[in-house]
Amino acid sequence: MSQLLIIGASGHGKVVADTAEAVGKWSQLTFLDDDYANLNGTLRWPVVGGSRDFPGMAGTCDSAVVAIGHAQTRLGFIDALTSSCFVLPVLCHPFTAVSSSAVIGEGTVIFAGAVIQADARLGRGVIVNTQAGVDHDCVLGDGVHVCPGAHLAGNVIVGDGSWLGIGCAIKQGARVGRGVTVGAGAVVVNDVDDGLTVVGCPARPVRATESK
């Protein structure tokens, strides 16, 4: 048994900690968060310093997970932690169904009820949230967030840093670019170019005047 360091003590961080407890591999969980002065004592787990204090934890924590929603920030911390010789485990709740043929990148978290099917490939720092589904042969880039209840049919490709909103659905074989935001409940039936925000059924890009 060892100690797990969690960077980010938001609500997402709570779910990460609950998942780590369910895994049962670590004897203690410790948080770092930039609001630690106000957060310490408000959670079931200690918050002992700011997010950039992780180098000083290397002697007591050999493993770390980044519980920050923003993809580029999350991936930046993963790179920094790896450079500081932390292990970035795949954190997978025991109440999931993950195919033995799936390939899961370091620092990825998979929450309760999620399903990941045969030959899916997930990059580094991916979030597969509560009861989300990633079907066969899907490819998810680094930092992708599949929100609660979102479902990807087979052979979907999603680029780095994309955010797939709660309850959305993506048709088999669709290509979703890098840095895309798919709105809550949207139904993606066509390919989506890099950087777009798409909403609705069928999902269509939000015009600049609508996004202000």
N, C-alpha and C. Protein backbone atom coordinates (compact mmCIF):
# COMPACT_ATOMS: atom_id res chain seq x y z
N MET A 1 0.85 -1.19 0.00
CA MET A 1 0.00 0.00 0.00
C MET A 1 0.89 1.25 0.00
N SER A 2 0.43 2.31 -0.67
CA SER A 2 1.21 3.53 -0.77
C SER A 2 0.27 4.73 -0.78
N GLN A 3 0.86 5.91 -0.92
CA GLN A 3 0.09 7.15 -0.88
C GLN A 3 -0.10 7.70 -2.30
N LEU A 4 -1.32 8.11 -2.59
CA LEU A 4 -1.65 8.69 -3.90
C LEU A 4 -1.83 10.19 -3.76
N LEU A 5 -1.15 10.94 -4.60
CA LEU A 5 -1.29 12.39 -4.66
C LEU A 5 -2.31 12.75 -5.72
N ILE A 6 -3.27 13.61 -5.36
CA ILE A 6 -4.29 14.06 -6.30
C ILE A 6 -4.18 15.57 -6.44
N ILE A 7 -3.99 16.05 -7.65
CA ILE A 7 -3.89 17.50 -7.90
C ILE A 7 -5.24 17.99 -8.39
N GLY A 8 -5.86 18.86 -7.57
CA GLY A 8 -7.18 19.39 -7.88
C GLY A 8 -8.22 18.83 -6.94
N ALA A 9 -8.78 19.70 -6.08
CA ALA A 9 -9.72 19.26 -5.04
C ALA A 9 -11.13 19.77 -5.27
N SER A 10 -11.52 19.88 -6.54
CA SER A 10 -12.88 20.28 -6.88
C SER A 10 -13.82 19.09 -6.73
N GLY A 11 -15.07 19.25 -7.21
CA GLY A 11 -15.99 18.13 -7.22
C GLY A 11 -15.46 16.97 -8.04
N HIS A 12 -14.82 17.28 -9.16
CA HIS A 12 -14.19 16.23 -9.97
C HIS A 12 -13.14 15.49 -9.14
N GLY A 13 -12.38 16.25 -8.36
CA GLY A 13 -11.38 15.63 -7.51
C GLY A 13 -11.98 14.68 -6.49
N LYS A 14 -13.15 15.03 -5.96
CA LYS A 14 -13.83 14.13 -5.02
C LYS A 14 -14.16 12.80 -5.67
N VAL A 15 -14.63 12.85 -6.93
CA VAL A 15 -14.98 11.61 -7.61
C VAL A 15 -13.71 10.80 -7.91
N VAL A 16 -12.63 11.48 -8.26
CA VAL A 16 -11.36 10.80 -8.45
C VAL A 16 -10.95 10.09 -7.15
N ALA A 17 -11.07 10.79 -6.02
CA ALA A 17 -10.69 10.20 -4.74
C ALA A 17 -11.59 9.02 -4.38
N ASP A 18 -12.88 9.15 -4.60
CA ASP A 18 -13.80 8.03 -4.36
C ASP A 18 -13.41 6.82 -5.21
N THR A 19 -13.06 7.09 -6.47
CA THR A 19 -12.65 6.01 -7.36
C THR A 19 -11.38 5.35 -6.85
N ALA A 20 -10.41 6.15 -6.41
CA ALA A 20 -9.17 5.60 -5.86
C ALA A 20 -9.44 4.75 -4.62
N GLU A 21 -10.35 5.20 -3.77
CA GLU A 21 -10.70 4.39 -2.60
C GLU A 21 -11.33 3.07 -3.00
N ALA A 22 -12.18 3.11 -4.02
CA ALA A 22 -12.81 1.88 -4.50
C ALA A 22 -11.79 0.90 -5.07
N VAL A 23 -10.76 1.44 -5.73
CA VAL A 23 -9.69 0.59 -6.26
C VAL A 23 -8.96 -0.11 -5.12
N GLY A 24 -8.73 0.63 -4.01
CA GLY A 24 -8.17 0.04 -2.81
C GLY A 24 -6.67 -0.21 -2.83
N LYS A 25 -5.96 0.45 -3.72
CA LYS A 25 -4.52 0.21 -3.85
C LYS A 25 -3.70 1.10 -2.93
N TRP A 26 -4.27 2.23 -2.51
CA TRP A 26 -3.49 3.20 -1.76
C TRP A 26 -3.98 3.32 -0.33
N SER A 27 -3.04 3.44 0.60
CA SER A 27 -3.38 3.53 2.01
C SER A 27 -3.79 4.94 2.41
N GLN A 28 -3.37 5.95 1.64
CA GLN A 28 -3.71 7.33 1.96
C GLN A 28 -3.83 8.14 0.68
N LEU A 29 -4.78 9.06 0.66
CA LEU A 29 -4.97 10.00 -0.44
C LEU A 29 -4.69 11.40 0.06
N THR A 30 -3.92 12.17 -0.70
CA THR A 30 -3.56 13.52 -0.32
C THR A 30 -3.78 14.46 -1.50
N PHE A 31 -4.39 15.61 -1.25
CA PHE A 31 -4.69 16.58 -2.30
C PHE A 31 -3.71 17.75 -2.29
N LEU A 32 -3.47 18.29 -3.47
CA LEU A 32 -2.90 19.62 -3.65
C LEU A 32 -3.89 20.45 -4.45
N ASP A 33 -4.10 21.70 -4.01
CA ASP A 33 -5.02 22.60 -4.70
C ASP A 33 -4.62 24.03 -4.35
N ASP A 34 -4.72 24.93 -5.33
CA ASP A 34 -4.29 26.31 -5.09
C ASP A 34 -5.14 27.02 -4.06
N ASP A 35 -6.32 26.50 -3.75
CA ASP A 35 -7.18 27.08 -2.71
C ASP A 35 -7.09 26.27 -1.41
N TYR A 36 -5.91 25.69 -1.17
CA TYR A 36 -5.77 24.75 -0.05
C TYR A 36 -6.06 25.38 1.30
N ALA A 37 -5.77 26.68 1.44
CA ALA A 37 -5.99 27.32 2.74
C ALA A 37 -7.46 27.28 3.14
N ASN A 38 -8.35 27.38 2.15
CA ASN A 38 -9.79 27.34 2.44
C ASN A 38 -10.36 25.92 2.37
N LEU A 39 -9.71 25.05 1.63
CA LEU A 39 -10.25 23.72 1.43
C LEU A 39 -9.88 22.74 2.53
N ASN A 40 -8.70 22.89 3.12
CA ASN A 40 -8.26 21.91 4.10
C ASN A 40 -9.24 21.85 5.27
N GLY A 41 -9.67 20.66 5.61
CA GLY A 41 -10.66 20.46 6.67
C GLY A 41 -12.08 20.39 6.15
N THR A 42 -12.30 20.70 4.87
CA THR A 42 -13.66 20.64 4.30
C THR A 42 -13.91 19.32 3.56
N LEU A 43 -12.85 18.57 3.29
CA LEU A 43 -12.96 17.30 2.60
C LEU A 43 -12.64 16.14 3.54
N ARG A 44 -12.93 14.94 3.10
CA ARG A 44 -12.58 13.76 3.88
C ARG A 44 -11.09 13.44 3.81
N TRP A 45 -10.39 14.14 2.93
CA TRP A 45 -8.97 13.89 2.71
C TRP A 45 -8.20 15.19 2.92
N PRO A 46 -6.93 15.12 3.33
CA PRO A 46 -6.16 16.34 3.58
C PRO A 46 -5.78 17.08 2.30
N VAL A 47 -5.84 18.40 2.36
CA VAL A 47 -5.34 19.27 1.27
C VAL A 47 -4.15 20.01 1.85
N VAL A 48 -2.95 19.68 1.39
CA VAL A 48 -1.74 20.07 2.13
C VAL A 48 -0.93 21.17 1.47
N GLY A 49 -1.32 21.60 0.26
CA GLY A 49 -0.55 22.65 -0.38
C GLY A 49 -1.11 23.00 -1.73
N GLY A 50 -0.39 23.92 -2.42
CA GLY A 50 -0.81 24.35 -3.74
C GLY A 50 -0.44 23.34 -4.82
N SER A 51 -1.02 23.53 -6.00
CA SER A 51 -0.86 22.55 -7.07
C SER A 51 0.58 22.39 -7.52
N ARG A 52 1.38 23.44 -7.38
CA ARG A 52 2.77 23.39 -7.84
C ARG A 52 3.72 22.87 -6.77
N ASP A 53 3.20 22.43 -5.65
CA ASP A 53 4.03 21.92 -4.56
C ASP A 53 4.35 20.44 -4.70
N PHE A 54 3.98 19.85 -5.84
CA PHE A 54 4.15 18.39 -5.96
C PHE A 54 5.60 17.91 -5.88
N PRO A 55 6.63 18.70 -6.31
CA PRO A 55 7.99 18.13 -6.18
C PRO A 55 8.35 17.77 -4.74
N GLY A 56 7.83 18.53 -3.77
CA GLY A 56 8.11 18.24 -2.37
C GLY A 56 7.40 17.02 -1.84
N MET A 57 6.47 16.47 -2.63
CA MET A 57 5.73 15.28 -2.20
C MET A 57 6.35 14.00 -2.74
N ALA A 58 7.39 14.12 -3.52
CA ALA A 58 7.96 12.94 -4.18
C ALA A 58 8.47 11.91 -3.18
N GLY A 59 8.87 12.34 -2.00
CA GLY A 59 9.38 11.39 -1.03
C GLY A 59 8.31 10.57 -0.34
N THR A 60 7.06 11.06 -0.35
CA THR A 60 5.99 10.36 0.35
C THR A 60 4.95 9.76 -0.60
N CYS A 61 4.84 10.31 -1.80
CA CYS A 61 3.87 9.80 -2.78
C CYS A 61 4.63 9.36 -4.03
N ASP A 62 4.45 8.10 -4.42
CA ASP A 62 5.10 7.66 -5.63
C ASP A 62 4.17 7.69 -6.84
N SER A 63 2.87 7.83 -6.59
CA SER A 63 1.87 7.87 -7.65
C SER A 63 1.06 9.15 -7.56
N ALA A 64 0.58 9.62 -8.71
CA ALA A 64 -0.21 10.85 -8.74
C ALA A 64 -1.25 10.78 -9.84
N VAL A 65 -2.33 11.51 -9.63
CA VAL A 65 -3.38 11.65 -10.65
C VAL A 65 -3.79 13.11 -10.69
N VAL A 66 -4.12 13.61 -11.88
CA VAL A 66 -4.48 15.01 -12.04
C VAL A 66 -5.99 15.11 -12.20
N ALA A 67 -6.64 15.76 -11.23
CA ALA A 67 -8.10 15.89 -11.22
C ALA A 67 -8.49 17.32 -11.59
N ILE A 68 -8.07 17.73 -12.77
CA ILE A 68 -8.34 19.08 -13.30
C ILE A 68 -9.06 18.92 -14.63
N GLY A 69 -10.19 19.59 -14.78
CA GLY A 69 -11.02 19.41 -15.96
C GLY A 69 -10.44 19.97 -17.24
N HIS A 70 -9.73 21.10 -17.17
CA HIS A 70 -9.21 21.74 -18.37
C HIS A 70 -8.12 20.86 -18.98
N ALA A 71 -8.31 20.47 -20.24
CA ALA A 71 -7.47 19.45 -20.84
C ALA A 71 -6.00 19.85 -20.89
N GLN A 72 -5.70 21.05 -21.39
CA GLN A 72 -4.29 21.42 -21.53
C GLN A 72 -3.61 21.57 -20.18
N THR A 73 -4.33 22.08 -19.20
CA THR A 73 -3.76 22.17 -17.86
C THR A 73 -3.50 20.78 -17.30
N ARG A 74 -4.46 19.88 -17.49
CA ARG A 74 -4.29 18.51 -17.01
C ARG A 74 -3.07 17.85 -17.64
N LEU A 75 -2.94 17.97 -18.95
CA LEU A 75 -1.81 17.36 -19.64
C LEU A 75 -0.49 18.00 -19.25
N GLY A 76 -0.50 19.30 -19.00
CA GLY A 76 0.72 19.96 -18.54
C GLY A 76 1.21 19.42 -17.21
N PHE A 77 0.27 19.20 -16.29
CA PHE A 77 0.65 18.61 -15.00
C PHE A 77 1.12 17.17 -15.17
N ILE A 78 0.49 16.42 -16.05
CA ILE A 78 0.92 15.04 -16.29
C ILE A 78 2.37 15.03 -16.78
N ASP A 79 2.72 15.92 -17.71
CA ASP A 79 4.10 16.00 -18.19
C ASP A 79 5.06 16.35 -17.05
N ALA A 80 4.66 17.32 -16.22
CA ALA A 80 5.53 17.76 -15.13
C ALA A 80 5.71 16.67 -14.09
N LEU A 81 4.65 15.95 -13.78
CA LEU A 81 4.73 14.87 -12.80
C LEU A 81 5.59 13.73 -13.32
N THR A 82 5.45 13.41 -14.61
CA THR A 82 6.27 12.36 -15.20
C THR A 82 7.75 12.74 -15.14
N SER A 83 8.04 14.00 -15.42
CA SER A 83 9.42 14.48 -15.35
C SER A 83 9.98 14.42 -13.94
N SER A 84 9.09 14.48 -12.94
CA SER A 84 9.50 14.40 -11.53
C SER A 84 9.46 12.98 -11.00
N CYS A 85 9.32 12.01 -11.92
CA CYS A 85 9.41 10.58 -11.59
C CYS A 85 8.21 10.03 -10.83
N PHE A 86 7.08 10.72 -10.89
CA PHE A 86 5.85 10.14 -10.36
C PHE A 86 5.31 9.11 -11.35
N VAL A 87 4.65 8.09 -10.81
CA VAL A 87 3.91 7.15 -11.63
C VAL A 87 2.51 7.72 -11.84
N LEU A 88 2.03 7.73 -13.08
CA LEU A 88 0.69 8.20 -13.40
C LEU A 88 -0.18 6.98 -13.74
N PRO A 89 -0.85 6.40 -12.74
CA PRO A 89 -1.59 5.17 -12.99
C PRO A 89 -2.87 5.43 -13.78
N VAL A 90 -3.38 4.39 -14.42
CA VAL A 90 -4.75 4.41 -14.92
C VAL A 90 -5.66 4.12 -13.74
N LEU A 91 -6.58 5.04 -13.47
CA LEU A 91 -7.48 4.90 -12.33
C LEU A 91 -8.84 4.44 -12.85
N CYS A 92 -9.17 3.19 -12.57
CA CYS A 92 -10.37 2.57 -13.15
C CYS A 92 -11.25 2.02 -12.04
N HIS A 93 -12.44 2.57 -11.90
CA HIS A 93 -13.37 2.11 -10.86
C HIS A 93 -13.69 0.63 -11.08
N PRO A 94 -13.81 -0.14 -9.99
CA PRO A 94 -14.10 -1.58 -10.17
C PRO A 94 -15.45 -1.86 -10.81
N PHE A 95 -16.39 -0.91 -10.76
CA PHE A 95 -17.69 -1.12 -11.38
C PHE A 95 -17.71 -0.54 -12.80
N THR A 96 -16.74 -0.96 -13.59
CA THR A 96 -16.69 -0.61 -15.01
C THR A 96 -16.55 -1.90 -15.82
N ALA A 97 -16.72 -1.78 -17.13
CA ALA A 97 -16.47 -2.91 -18.03
C ALA A 97 -15.48 -2.43 -19.07
N VAL A 98 -14.22 -2.85 -18.93
CA VAL A 98 -13.16 -2.42 -19.83
C VAL A 98 -12.59 -3.65 -20.51
N SER A 99 -12.65 -3.68 -21.83
CA SER A 99 -12.14 -4.82 -22.59
C SER A 99 -10.65 -5.03 -22.34
N SER A 100 -10.25 -6.29 -22.29
CA SER A 100 -8.84 -6.61 -22.11
C SER A 100 -8.01 -6.20 -23.32
N SER A 101 -8.66 -5.95 -24.45
CA SER A 101 -7.94 -5.53 -25.65
C SER A 101 -7.85 -4.01 -25.79
N ALA A 102 -8.50 -3.28 -24.89
CA ALA A 102 -8.42 -1.81 -24.93
C ALA A 102 -7.03 -1.36 -24.47
N VAL A 103 -6.55 -0.27 -25.06
CA VAL A 103 -5.26 0.31 -24.68
C VAL A 103 -5.55 1.66 -24.03
N ILE A 104 -5.09 1.82 -22.78
CA ILE A 104 -5.44 3.00 -21.99
C ILE A 104 -4.15 3.74 -21.62
N GLY A 105 -4.08 5.04 -21.94
CA GLY A 105 -2.89 5.83 -21.67
C GLY A 105 -2.75 6.23 -20.22
N GLU A 106 -1.52 6.59 -19.82
CA GLU A 106 -1.23 6.94 -18.43
C GLU A 106 -2.06 8.15 -18.00
N GLY A 107 -2.39 8.16 -16.71
CA GLY A 107 -3.12 9.28 -16.14
C GLY A 107 -4.58 9.35 -16.50
N THR A 108 -5.10 8.34 -17.17
CA THR A 108 -6.52 8.31 -17.54
C THR A 108 -7.35 7.86 -16.35
N VAL A 109 -8.56 8.44 -16.20
CA VAL A 109 -9.48 8.03 -15.14
C VAL A 109 -10.78 7.54 -15.78
N ILE A 110 -11.29 6.43 -15.25
CA ILE A 110 -12.50 5.80 -15.77
C ILE A 110 -13.43 5.59 -14.59
N PHE A 111 -14.58 6.26 -14.61
CA PHE A 111 -15.46 6.30 -13.45
C PHE A 111 -16.52 5.20 -13.49
N ALA A 112 -17.25 5.08 -12.39
CA ALA A 112 -18.21 3.99 -12.20
C ALA A 112 -19.23 3.92 -13.34
N GLY A 113 -19.50 2.70 -13.79
CA GLY A 113 -20.51 2.47 -14.80
C GLY A 113 -20.05 2.66 -16.23
N ALA A 114 -18.82 3.10 -16.44
CA ALA A 114 -18.33 3.31 -17.80
C ALA A 114 -18.08 1.96 -18.48
N VAL A 115 -18.20 1.96 -19.82
CA VAL A 115 -17.94 0.77 -20.62
C VAL A 115 -16.97 1.16 -21.74
N ILE A 116 -15.89 0.39 -21.86
CA ILE A 116 -14.92 0.60 -22.93
C ILE A 116 -14.75 -0.73 -23.65
N GLN A 117 -15.06 -0.73 -24.92
CA GLN A 117 -15.18 -1.99 -25.66
C GLN A 117 -13.89 -2.37 -26.41
N ALA A 118 -13.98 -3.47 -27.14
CA ALA A 118 -12.82 -4.12 -27.75
C ALA A 118 -12.01 -3.18 -28.64
N ASP A 119 -10.68 -3.22 -28.43
CA ASP A 119 -9.70 -2.53 -29.28
C ASP A 119 -9.85 -1.02 -29.29
N ALA A 120 -10.56 -0.47 -28.31
CA ALA A 120 -10.56 1.00 -28.14
C ALA A 120 -9.17 1.44 -27.70
N ARG A 121 -8.78 2.64 -28.10
CA ARG A 121 -7.48 3.19 -27.72
C ARG A 121 -7.68 4.58 -27.15
N LEU A 122 -7.28 4.76 -25.91
CA LEU A 122 -7.43 6.03 -25.20
C LEU A 122 -6.05 6.59 -24.91
N GLY A 123 -5.88 7.88 -25.16
CA GLY A 123 -4.59 8.53 -24.94
C GLY A 123 -4.31 8.84 -23.49
N ARG A 124 -3.37 9.73 -23.27
CA ARG A 124 -2.96 10.12 -21.92
C ARG A 124 -3.97 11.12 -21.34
N GLY A 125 -4.22 10.98 -20.03
CA GLY A 125 -5.02 11.97 -19.34
C GLY A 125 -6.45 12.08 -19.82
N VAL A 126 -7.01 10.98 -20.30
CA VAL A 126 -8.41 10.97 -20.74
C VAL A 126 -9.32 10.81 -19.52
N ILE A 127 -10.50 11.40 -19.57
CA ILE A 127 -11.54 11.20 -18.56
C ILE A 127 -12.72 10.50 -19.23
N VAL A 128 -13.07 9.32 -18.74
CA VAL A 128 -14.30 8.66 -19.16
C VAL A 128 -15.21 8.67 -17.95
N ASN A 129 -16.19 9.52 -17.98
CA ASN A 129 -16.96 9.84 -16.79
C ASN A 129 -18.09 8.82 -16.55
N THR A 130 -18.86 9.07 -15.51
CA THR A 130 -19.86 8.14 -15.01
C THR A 130 -20.82 7.66 -16.10
N GLN A 131 -20.92 6.34 -16.26
CA GLN A 131 -21.85 5.69 -17.19
C GLN A 131 -21.68 6.14 -18.64
N ALA A 132 -20.47 6.54 -19.00
CA ALA A 132 -20.18 6.85 -20.40
C ALA A 132 -19.80 5.57 -21.14
N GLY A 133 -19.98 5.56 -22.46
CA GLY A 133 -19.68 4.39 -23.26
C GLY A 133 -18.78 4.71 -24.43
N VAL A 134 -17.69 3.94 -24.57
CA VAL A 134 -16.76 4.07 -25.68
C VAL A 134 -16.72 2.71 -26.37
N ASP A 135 -17.27 2.63 -27.57
CA ASP A 135 -17.45 1.33 -28.19
C ASP A 135 -16.19 0.89 -28.95
N HIS A 136 -16.31 -0.24 -29.64
CA HIS A 136 -15.16 -0.90 -30.25
C HIS A 136 -14.41 -0.01 -31.23
N ASP A 137 -13.09 -0.12 -31.19
CA ASP A 137 -12.19 0.51 -32.16
C ASP A 137 -12.21 2.03 -32.14
N CYS A 138 -12.78 2.63 -31.10
CA CYS A 138 -12.69 4.08 -30.98
C CYS A 138 -11.25 4.49 -30.64
N VAL A 139 -10.88 5.69 -31.07
CA VAL A 139 -9.57 6.25 -30.77
C VAL A 139 -9.77 7.63 -30.16
N LEU A 140 -9.37 7.80 -28.91
CA LEU A 140 -9.51 9.07 -28.20
C LEU A 140 -8.12 9.65 -27.96
N GLY A 141 -7.91 10.89 -28.39
CA GLY A 141 -6.62 11.54 -28.22
C GLY A 141 -6.36 11.94 -26.78
N ASP A 142 -5.18 12.48 -26.54
CA ASP A 142 -4.79 12.92 -25.21
C ASP A 142 -5.74 13.98 -24.68
N GLY A 143 -6.10 13.87 -23.40
CA GLY A 143 -6.88 14.90 -22.73
C GLY A 143 -8.35 14.95 -23.08
N VAL A 144 -8.86 13.99 -23.82
CA VAL A 144 -10.30 13.98 -24.15
C VAL A 144 -11.11 13.74 -22.88
N HIS A 145 -12.25 14.42 -22.78
CA HIS A 145 -13.19 14.21 -21.66
C HIS A 145 -14.51 13.73 -22.23
N VAL A 146 -14.87 12.50 -21.88
CA VAL A 146 -16.18 11.94 -22.24
C VAL A 146 -17.06 12.10 -21.00
N CYS A 147 -17.99 13.03 -21.05
CA CYS A 147 -18.77 13.42 -19.88
C CYS A 147 -19.79 12.34 -19.49
N PRO A 148 -20.41 12.46 -18.31
CA PRO A 148 -21.36 11.44 -17.86
C PRO A 148 -22.45 11.15 -18.88
N GLY A 149 -22.69 9.86 -19.11
CA GLY A 149 -23.77 9.43 -19.97
C GLY A 149 -23.56 9.67 -21.45
N ALA A 150 -22.38 10.11 -21.86
CA ALA A 150 -22.09 10.27 -23.29
C ALA A 150 -21.78 8.91 -23.89
N HIS A 151 -22.13 8.74 -25.17
CA HIS A 151 -21.94 7.44 -25.82
C HIS A 151 -21.34 7.60 -27.20
N LEU A 152 -20.26 6.86 -27.42
CA LEU A 152 -19.58 6.84 -28.71
C LEU A 152 -19.80 5.47 -29.34
N ALA A 153 -20.35 5.44 -30.55
CA ALA A 153 -20.48 4.19 -31.27
C ALA A 153 -19.11 3.74 -31.79
N GLY A 154 -19.06 2.61 -32.50
CA GLY A 154 -17.79 2.06 -32.91
C GLY A 154 -17.04 2.91 -33.92
N ASN A 155 -15.70 2.81 -33.88
CA ASN A 155 -14.81 3.44 -34.86
C ASN A 155 -14.85 4.97 -34.87
N VAL A 156 -15.26 5.56 -33.76
CA VAL A 156 -15.22 7.02 -33.64
C VAL A 156 -13.79 7.45 -33.31
N ILE A 157 -13.34 8.53 -33.92
CA ILE A 157 -12.03 9.10 -33.64
C ILE A 157 -12.24 10.51 -33.08
N VAL A 158 -11.61 10.79 -31.94
CA VAL A 158 -11.74 12.09 -31.27
C VAL A 158 -10.35 12.66 -31.05
N GLY A 159 -10.14 13.89 -31.49
CA GLY A 159 -8.84 14.53 -31.38
C GLY A 159 -8.50 15.02 -29.99
N ASP A 160 -7.23 15.35 -29.80
CA ASP A 160 -6.72 15.78 -28.49
C ASP A 160 -7.55 16.93 -27.92
N GLY A 161 -7.80 16.84 -26.61
CA GLY A 161 -8.38 17.94 -25.87
C GLY A 161 -9.85 18.21 -26.11
N SER A 162 -10.55 17.34 -26.80
CA SER A 162 -11.97 17.57 -27.06
C SER A 162 -12.81 17.21 -25.84
N TRP A 163 -13.95 17.88 -25.73
CA TRP A 163 -14.85 17.74 -24.58
C TRP A 163 -16.22 17.32 -25.12
N LEU A 164 -16.65 16.13 -24.71
CA LEU A 164 -17.90 15.55 -25.22
C LEU A 164 -18.94 15.64 -24.11
N GLY A 165 -19.90 16.54 -24.27
CA GLY A 165 -20.80 16.93 -23.20
C GLY A 165 -21.71 15.83 -22.70
N ILE A 166 -22.28 16.07 -21.53
CA ILE A 166 -23.11 15.09 -20.85
C ILE A 166 -24.26 14.63 -21.76
N GLY A 167 -24.40 13.31 -21.86
CA GLY A 167 -25.52 12.75 -22.61
C GLY A 167 -25.44 12.86 -24.12
N CYS A 168 -24.30 13.29 -24.67
CA CYS A 168 -24.22 13.39 -26.13
C CYS A 168 -24.04 11.99 -26.73
N ALA A 169 -24.27 11.90 -28.03
CA ALA A 169 -24.11 10.64 -28.76
C ALA A 169 -23.37 10.93 -30.06
N ILE A 170 -22.44 10.03 -30.41
CA ILE A 170 -21.65 10.22 -31.62
C ILE A 170 -21.79 8.98 -32.50
N LYS A 171 -22.21 9.19 -33.72
CA LYS A 171 -22.48 8.12 -34.68
C LYS A 171 -21.21 7.34 -35.02
N GLN A 172 -21.40 6.06 -35.33
CA GLN A 172 -20.27 5.21 -35.69
C GLN A 172 -19.48 5.80 -36.84
N GLY A 173 -18.15 5.73 -36.71
CA GLY A 173 -17.26 6.16 -37.77
C GLY A 173 -17.04 7.65 -37.88
N ALA A 174 -17.69 8.45 -37.02
CA ALA A 174 -17.52 9.90 -37.10
C ALA A 174 -16.13 10.31 -36.63
N ARG A 175 -15.63 11.40 -37.22
CA ARG A 175 -14.35 11.98 -36.84
C ARG A 175 -14.61 13.32 -36.17
N VAL A 176 -14.13 13.45 -34.93
CA VAL A 176 -14.25 14.69 -34.18
C VAL A 176 -12.85 15.25 -34.01
N GLY A 177 -12.66 16.51 -34.39
CA GLY A 177 -11.32 17.09 -34.41
C GLY A 177 -10.76 17.41 -33.05
N ARG A 178 -9.62 18.08 -33.06
CA ARG A 178 -8.94 18.50 -31.83
C ARG A 178 -9.64 19.72 -31.25
N GLY A 179 -9.70 19.79 -29.90
CA GLY A 179 -10.23 20.96 -29.23
C GLY A 179 -11.69 21.24 -29.53
N VAL A 180 -12.46 20.22 -29.83
CA VAL A 180 -13.89 20.38 -30.12
C VAL A 180 -14.69 20.32 -28.82
N THR A 181 -15.77 21.10 -28.77
CA THR A 181 -16.75 20.99 -27.69
C THR A 181 -18.06 20.50 -28.27
N VAL A 182 -18.54 19.38 -27.76
CA VAL A 182 -19.84 18.84 -28.16
C VAL A 182 -20.81 19.14 -27.01
N GLY A 183 -21.87 19.86 -27.31
CA GLY A 183 -22.81 20.30 -26.28
C GLY A 183 -23.57 19.16 -25.63
N ALA A 184 -24.11 19.43 -24.46
CA ALA A 184 -24.90 18.44 -23.73
C ALA A 184 -26.06 17.95 -24.59
N GLY A 185 -26.20 16.63 -24.68
CA GLY A 185 -27.31 16.03 -25.40
C GLY A 185 -27.23 16.11 -26.91
N ALA A 186 -26.14 16.63 -27.44
CA ALA A 186 -26.02 16.75 -28.90
C ALA A 186 -25.88 15.37 -29.55
N VAL A 187 -26.29 15.27 -30.81
CA VAL A 187 -26.18 14.02 -31.57
C VAL A 187 -25.31 14.30 -32.79
N VAL A 188 -24.10 13.76 -32.77
CA VAL A 188 -23.13 14.02 -33.84
C VAL A 188 -23.26 12.93 -34.89
N VAL A 189 -23.68 13.32 -36.09
CA VAL A 189 -23.85 12.35 -37.18
C VAL A 189 -22.89 12.62 -38.34
N ASN A 190 -22.16 13.75 -38.28
CA ASN A 190 -21.18 14.08 -39.31
C ASN A 190 -19.85 14.41 -38.65
N ASP A 191 -18.78 14.43 -39.45
CA ASP A 191 -17.48 14.80 -38.92
C ASP A 191 -17.49 16.25 -38.42
N VAL A 192 -16.64 16.52 -37.43
CA VAL A 192 -16.56 17.85 -36.83
C VAL A 192 -15.12 18.34 -36.94
N ASP A 193 -14.91 19.51 -37.50
CA ASP A 193 -13.57 20.06 -37.68
C ASP A 193 -12.98 20.55 -36.36
N ASP A 194 -11.66 20.71 -36.36
CA ASP A 194 -10.94 21.18 -35.18
C ASP A 194 -11.53 22.47 -34.63
N GLY A 195 -11.60 22.55 -33.31
CA GLY A 195 -11.90 23.79 -32.62
C GLY A 195 -13.35 24.23 -32.61
N LEU A 196 -14.24 23.47 -33.21
CA LEU A 196 -15.64 23.88 -33.28
C LEU A 196 -16.39 23.53 -32.00
N THR A 197 -17.47 24.28 -31.75
CA THR A 197 -18.47 23.91 -30.75
C THR A 197 -19.73 23.52 -31.51
N VAL A 198 -20.25 22.31 -31.25
CA VAL A 198 -21.44 21.84 -31.94
C VAL A 198 -22.52 21.50 -30.92
N VAL A 199 -23.77 21.81 -31.28
CA VAL A 199 -24.90 21.57 -30.39
C VAL A 199 -26.09 21.09 -31.21
N GLY A 200 -27.04 20.45 -30.52
CA GLY A 200 -28.31 20.13 -31.15
C GLY A 200 -28.37 18.73 -31.74
N CYS A 201 -29.51 18.46 -32.37
CA CYS A 201 -29.78 17.15 -32.98
C CYS A 201 -30.41 17.38 -34.36
N PRO A 202 -29.65 17.13 -35.43
CA PRO A 202 -28.24 16.74 -35.44
C PRO A 202 -27.34 17.91 -35.03
N ALA A 203 -26.16 17.58 -34.55
CA ALA A 203 -25.25 18.62 -34.06
C ALA A 203 -24.76 19.50 -35.19
N ARG A 204 -24.82 20.82 -34.95
CA ARG A 204 -24.33 21.79 -35.91
C ARG A 204 -23.44 22.80 -35.20
N PRO A 205 -22.48 23.41 -35.92
CA PRO A 205 -21.59 24.39 -35.29
C PRO A 205 -22.36 25.61 -34.78
N VAL A 206 -21.91 26.13 -33.66
CA VAL A 206 -22.45 27.38 -33.12
C VAL A 206 -21.75 28.52 -33.82
N ARG A 207 -22.52 29.45 -34.38
CA ARG A 207 -21.93 30.61 -35.04
C ARG A 207 -21.33 31.54 -34.00
N ALA A 208 -20.34 32.33 -34.42
CA ALA A 208 -19.63 33.23 -33.50
C ALA A 208 -20.59 34.16 -32.77
N THR A 209 -21.62 34.66 -33.47
CA THR A 209 -22.57 35.59 -32.83
C THR A 209 -23.38 34.89 -31.74
N GLU A 210 -23.58 33.55 -31.89
CA GLU A 210 -24.34 32.81 -30.91
C GLU A 210 -23.52 32.46 -29.67
N SER A 211 -22.18 32.43 -29.81
CA SER A 211 -21.33 31.99 -28.72
C SER A 211 -20.91 33.13 -27.81
N LYS A 212 -21.26 34.39 -28.16
CA LYS A 212 -20.87 35.52 -27.33
C LYS A 212 -21.76 35.62 -26.10
